[in-house]
């Protein structure tokens, strides 16, 4: 099967997000200019650089998260495990700006260290970030979408000690959550190791 995105998918449901899967979920905590916390999940997200650590995510539209990051220039990306699935889902609800998603979804909150944004206290890990840049996505025809891409440099990392084993982070034990497309999610339950080959001998 082949199709051009502008023609629409010849399937009952758009397969795009299911084809780019699994996608890690950034459970992003922010605060507004007055200090009110906000928490929401985003699955258009990934690491961009390791040295230094840089993360990026995209928001489909100008939401509370986007406005807060632009106002404060900081945000925290929390990584959720299987135990957080229902809380993460609840925090995705469309709520008025004055509602605190931490309280709404009964998510335990902790303070940041390098930034003033709070974090999910029980997250598998949490990345404190300062904003490097943001931009609206521009298409081939020169038009702009409502998608906004944010890039942040990591200034602090929290890791739940429960998942540190033999000097490594055991993400399988944490059941790290990911998005699979449609209404499907995945909890990591298996991993395997491969050794990268040496340089090609030819």
Protein backbone atom coordinates (compact mmCIF):
# COMPACT_ATOMS: atom_id res chain seq x y z
CA UNK A 1 0.00 0.00 0.00
CA UNK A 2 1.19 3.51 -0.81
CA UNK A 3 -0.52 6.82 -0.29
CA UNK A 4 0.32 10.53 -0.28
CA UNK A 5 -0.51 12.16 3.07
CA UNK A 6 -2.33 15.05 1.40
CA UNK A 7 -4.74 12.53 -0.18
CA UNK A 8 -5.57 10.90 3.13
CA UNK A 9 -4.89 7.34 4.22
CA UNK A 10 -6.91 4.58 2.49
CA UNK A 11 -7.71 3.13 5.92
CA UNK A 12 -10.48 3.82 8.43
CA UNK A 13 -7.95 5.42 10.82
CA UNK A 14 -4.83 7.44 10.09
CA UNK A 15 -1.88 5.03 10.58
CA UNK A 16 0.90 7.62 10.86
CA UNK A 17 1.35 7.67 14.63
CA UNK A 18 1.02 3.87 14.80
CA UNK A 19 3.80 3.53 12.23
CA UNK A 20 6.18 5.70 14.23
CA UNK A 21 6.06 3.59 17.37
CA UNK A 22 6.74 3.14 20.15
CA UNK A 23 7.13 6.80 20.94
CA UNK A 24 8.44 7.83 24.37
CA UNK A 25 6.09 10.05 26.34
CA UNK A 26 7.28 13.33 27.79
CA UNK A 27 5.14 14.02 30.87
CA UNK A 28 5.89 17.73 30.97
CA UNK A 29 5.55 19.83 34.09
CA UNK A 30 5.66 23.62 33.87
CA UNK A 31 4.53 26.60 35.86
CA UNK A 32 3.00 29.85 34.67
CA UNK A 33 4.34 33.32 35.37
CA UNK A 34 2.39 33.40 38.65
CA UNK A 35 3.86 30.04 39.74
CA UNK A 36 0.80 27.82 39.13
CA UNK A 37 1.86 24.25 38.18
CA UNK A 38 0.76 22.45 35.03
CA UNK A 39 1.28 18.84 33.91
CA UNK A 40 0.55 17.22 30.53
CA UNK A 41 1.81 14.32 28.37
CA UNK A 42 3.34 14.74 24.90
CA UNK A 43 4.36 11.83 22.65
CA UNK A 44 5.99 13.81 19.83
CA UNK A 45 9.17 13.78 21.87
CA UNK A 46 12.71 12.42 21.96
CA UNK A 47 16.35 13.04 22.86
CA UNK A 48 18.22 15.24 20.37
CA UNK A 49 21.74 15.20 21.80
CA UNK A 50 23.65 13.29 24.46
CA UNK A 51 26.66 15.55 25.01
CA UNK A 52 25.34 17.90 26.22
CA UNK A 53 21.94 16.33 26.92
CA UNK A 54 19.24 18.09 24.88
CA UNK A 55 15.57 17.11 24.55
CA UNK A 56 12.87 18.22 22.15
CA UNK A 57 9.11 17.92 21.85
CA UNK A 58 6.32 19.30 19.70
CA UNK A 59 2.97 20.69 20.78
CA UNK A 60 0.00 20.64 18.42
CA UNK A 61 -1.20 24.15 19.13
CA UNK A 62 -0.49 26.82 21.74
CA UNK A 63 -1.50 25.05 24.95
CA UNK A 64 -0.86 25.88 28.61
CA UNK A 65 2.43 23.97 28.49
CA UNK A 66 3.64 26.03 25.53
CA UNK A 67 2.59 29.34 27.02
CA UNK A 68 4.24 28.50 30.33
CA UNK A 69 7.55 27.51 28.74
CA UNK A 70 7.65 30.66 26.64
CA UNK A 71 6.92 32.75 29.74
CA UNK A 72 9.37 31.09 32.16
CA UNK A 73 11.99 29.57 29.77
CA UNK A 74 12.02 26.30 31.74
CA UNK A 75 10.24 22.95 31.98
CA UNK A 76 10.68 19.44 33.37
CA UNK A 77 10.25 16.24 31.36
CA UNK A 78 9.15 13.39 33.59
CA UNK A 79 9.34 9.80 32.36
CA UNK A 80 6.43 7.61 33.46
CA UNK A 81 6.40 3.93 34.37
CA UNK A 82 3.51 1.47 34.34
CA UNK A 83 2.42 2.62 37.81
CA UNK A 84 1.77 6.11 36.43
CA UNK A 85 -0.46 5.12 33.48
CA UNK A 86 -3.81 6.23 34.92
CA UNK A 87 -2.40 9.43 36.42
CA UNK A 88 -0.73 10.30 33.10
CA UNK A 89 -3.98 9.70 31.24
CA UNK A 90 -5.96 11.85 33.67
CA UNK A 91 -3.46 14.69 33.29
CA UNK A 92 -4.17 14.75 29.53
CA UNK A 93 -7.70 16.08 30.15
CA UNK A 94 -8.54 19.49 28.73
CA UNK A 95 -8.85 21.63 31.82
CA UNK A 96 -9.05 25.37 32.53
CA UNK A 97 -5.65 27.06 33.05
CA UNK A 98 -6.39 27.61 36.74
CA UNK A 99 -6.70 23.87 37.43
CA UNK A 100 -3.59 22.16 38.81
CA UNK A 101 -3.20 18.80 37.00
CA UNK A 102 -0.99 17.49 39.79
CA UNK A 103 -3.95 17.79 42.15
CA UNK A 104 -6.56 16.76 39.57
CA UNK A 105 -4.76 13.50 38.73
CA UNK A 106 -3.44 12.93 42.28
CA UNK A 107 0.18 13.08 41.12
CA UNK A 108 2.81 13.50 43.87
CA UNK A 109 4.81 16.68 43.28
CA UNK A 110 8.37 17.60 44.27
CA UNK A 111 10.49 20.71 43.85
CA UNK A 112 13.11 21.22 41.17
CA UNK A 113 16.77 21.81 41.97
CA UNK A 114 18.21 23.78 39.04
CA UNK A 115 14.89 25.35 38.02
CA UNK A 116 11.75 26.44 39.84
CA UNK A 117 9.43 24.12 37.89
CA UNK A 118 8.08 21.19 39.94
CA UNK A 119 8.50 17.54 38.94
CA UNK A 120 6.62 14.28 39.38
CA UNK A 121 8.07 12.96 42.65
CA UNK A 122 7.69 9.29 41.73
CA UNK A 123 8.72 9.49 38.06
CA UNK A 124 11.21 6.91 36.80
CA UNK A 125 13.38 9.91 36.03
CA UNK A 126 12.93 13.63 35.50
CA UNK A 127 14.92 16.03 33.32
CA UNK A 128 15.05 19.66 34.42
CA UNK A 129 15.38 21.76 31.25
CA UNK A 130 15.99 25.34 30.25
CA UNK A 131 14.58 26.50 26.93
CA UNK A 132 17.07 26.86 24.08
CA UNK A 133 14.64 27.72 21.29
CA UNK A 134 11.15 27.21 19.95
CA UNK A 135 9.62 27.62 16.52
CA UNK A 136 6.48 26.93 14.54
CA UNK A 137 6.90 24.18 11.95
CA UNK A 138 7.12 25.51 8.39
CA UNK A 139 6.00 23.32 5.49
CA UNK A 140 7.44 22.84 1.98
CA UNK A 141 4.95 25.31 0.51
CA UNK A 142 6.08 28.00 2.95
CA UNK A 143 2.98 27.85 5.13
CA UNK A 144 3.13 27.39 8.88
CA UNK A 145 1.34 24.73 10.89
CA UNK A 146 0.02 25.09 14.43
CA UNK A 147 2.75 22.72 15.63
CA UNK A 148 5.39 24.30 17.86
CA UNK A 149 8.74 22.60 18.42
CA UNK A 150 10.56 23.22 21.72
CA UNK A 151 14.19 22.37 22.44
CA UNK A 152 15.62 22.40 25.96
CA UNK A 153 19.01 21.74 27.50
CA UNK A 154 18.99 19.43 30.49
CA UNK A 155 20.34 21.12 33.63
CA UNK A 156 19.51 18.42 36.17
CA UNK A 157 18.46 14.75 36.21
CA UNK A 158 16.53 12.91 38.92
CA UNK A 159 16.48 9.08 38.88
CA UNK A 160 14.33 6.88 41.12
CA UNK A 161 16.76 4.77 43.16
CA UNK A 162 14.38 1.78 42.89
CA UNK A 163 15.43 1.31 39.28
CA UNK A 164 19.20 1.62 39.61
CA UNK A 165 20.68 -1.89 39.51
CA UNK A 166 24.37 -2.77 39.14
CA UNK A 167 25.16 0.79 38.08
CA UNK A 168 22.53 0.88 35.32
CA UNK A 169 18.96 2.14 35.09
CA UNK A 170 16.57 -0.79 34.68
CA UNK A 171 13.84 0.68 32.46
CA UNK A 172 12.25 -2.74 32.00
CA UNK A 173 11.67 -3.03 35.75
CA UNK A 174 10.14 0.45 35.63
CA UNK A 175 7.81 -0.57 32.79
CA UNK A 176 8.58 2.67 30.96
CA UNK A 177 5.48 3.89 29.11
CA UNK A 178 5.31 4.67 25.40
CA UNK A 179 2.63 5.62 22.88
CA UNK A 180 1.72 3.17 20.13
CA UNK A 181 -0.79 5.17 18.08
CA UNK A 182 -4.60 5.16 18.09
CA UNK A 183 -5.56 4.63 21.77
CA UNK A 184 -2.77 2.13 22.38
CA UNK A 185 0.05 2.41 24.89
CA UNK A 186 2.92 0.10 25.75
CA UNK A 187 4.72 -0.74 28.97
CA UNK A 188 8.29 -1.90 28.37
CA UNK A 189 8.65 -5.53 29.44
CA UNK A 190 11.60 -6.84 27.46
CA UNK A 191 15.01 -5.72 26.28
CA UNK A 192 17.98 -7.42 24.64
CA UNK A 193 21.59 -6.46 24.14
CA UNK A 194 23.65 -6.28 20.96
CA UNK A 195 27.30 -5.33 20.66
CA UNK A 196 28.00 -2.68 18.06
CA UNK A 197 30.34 -4.06 15.36
CA UNK A 198 33.84 -2.71 14.95
CA UNK A 199 34.73 -0.59 11.95
CA UNK A 200 34.26 -2.30 8.61
CA UNK A 201 37.50 -4.15 7.88
CA UNK A 202 37.48 -3.38 4.13
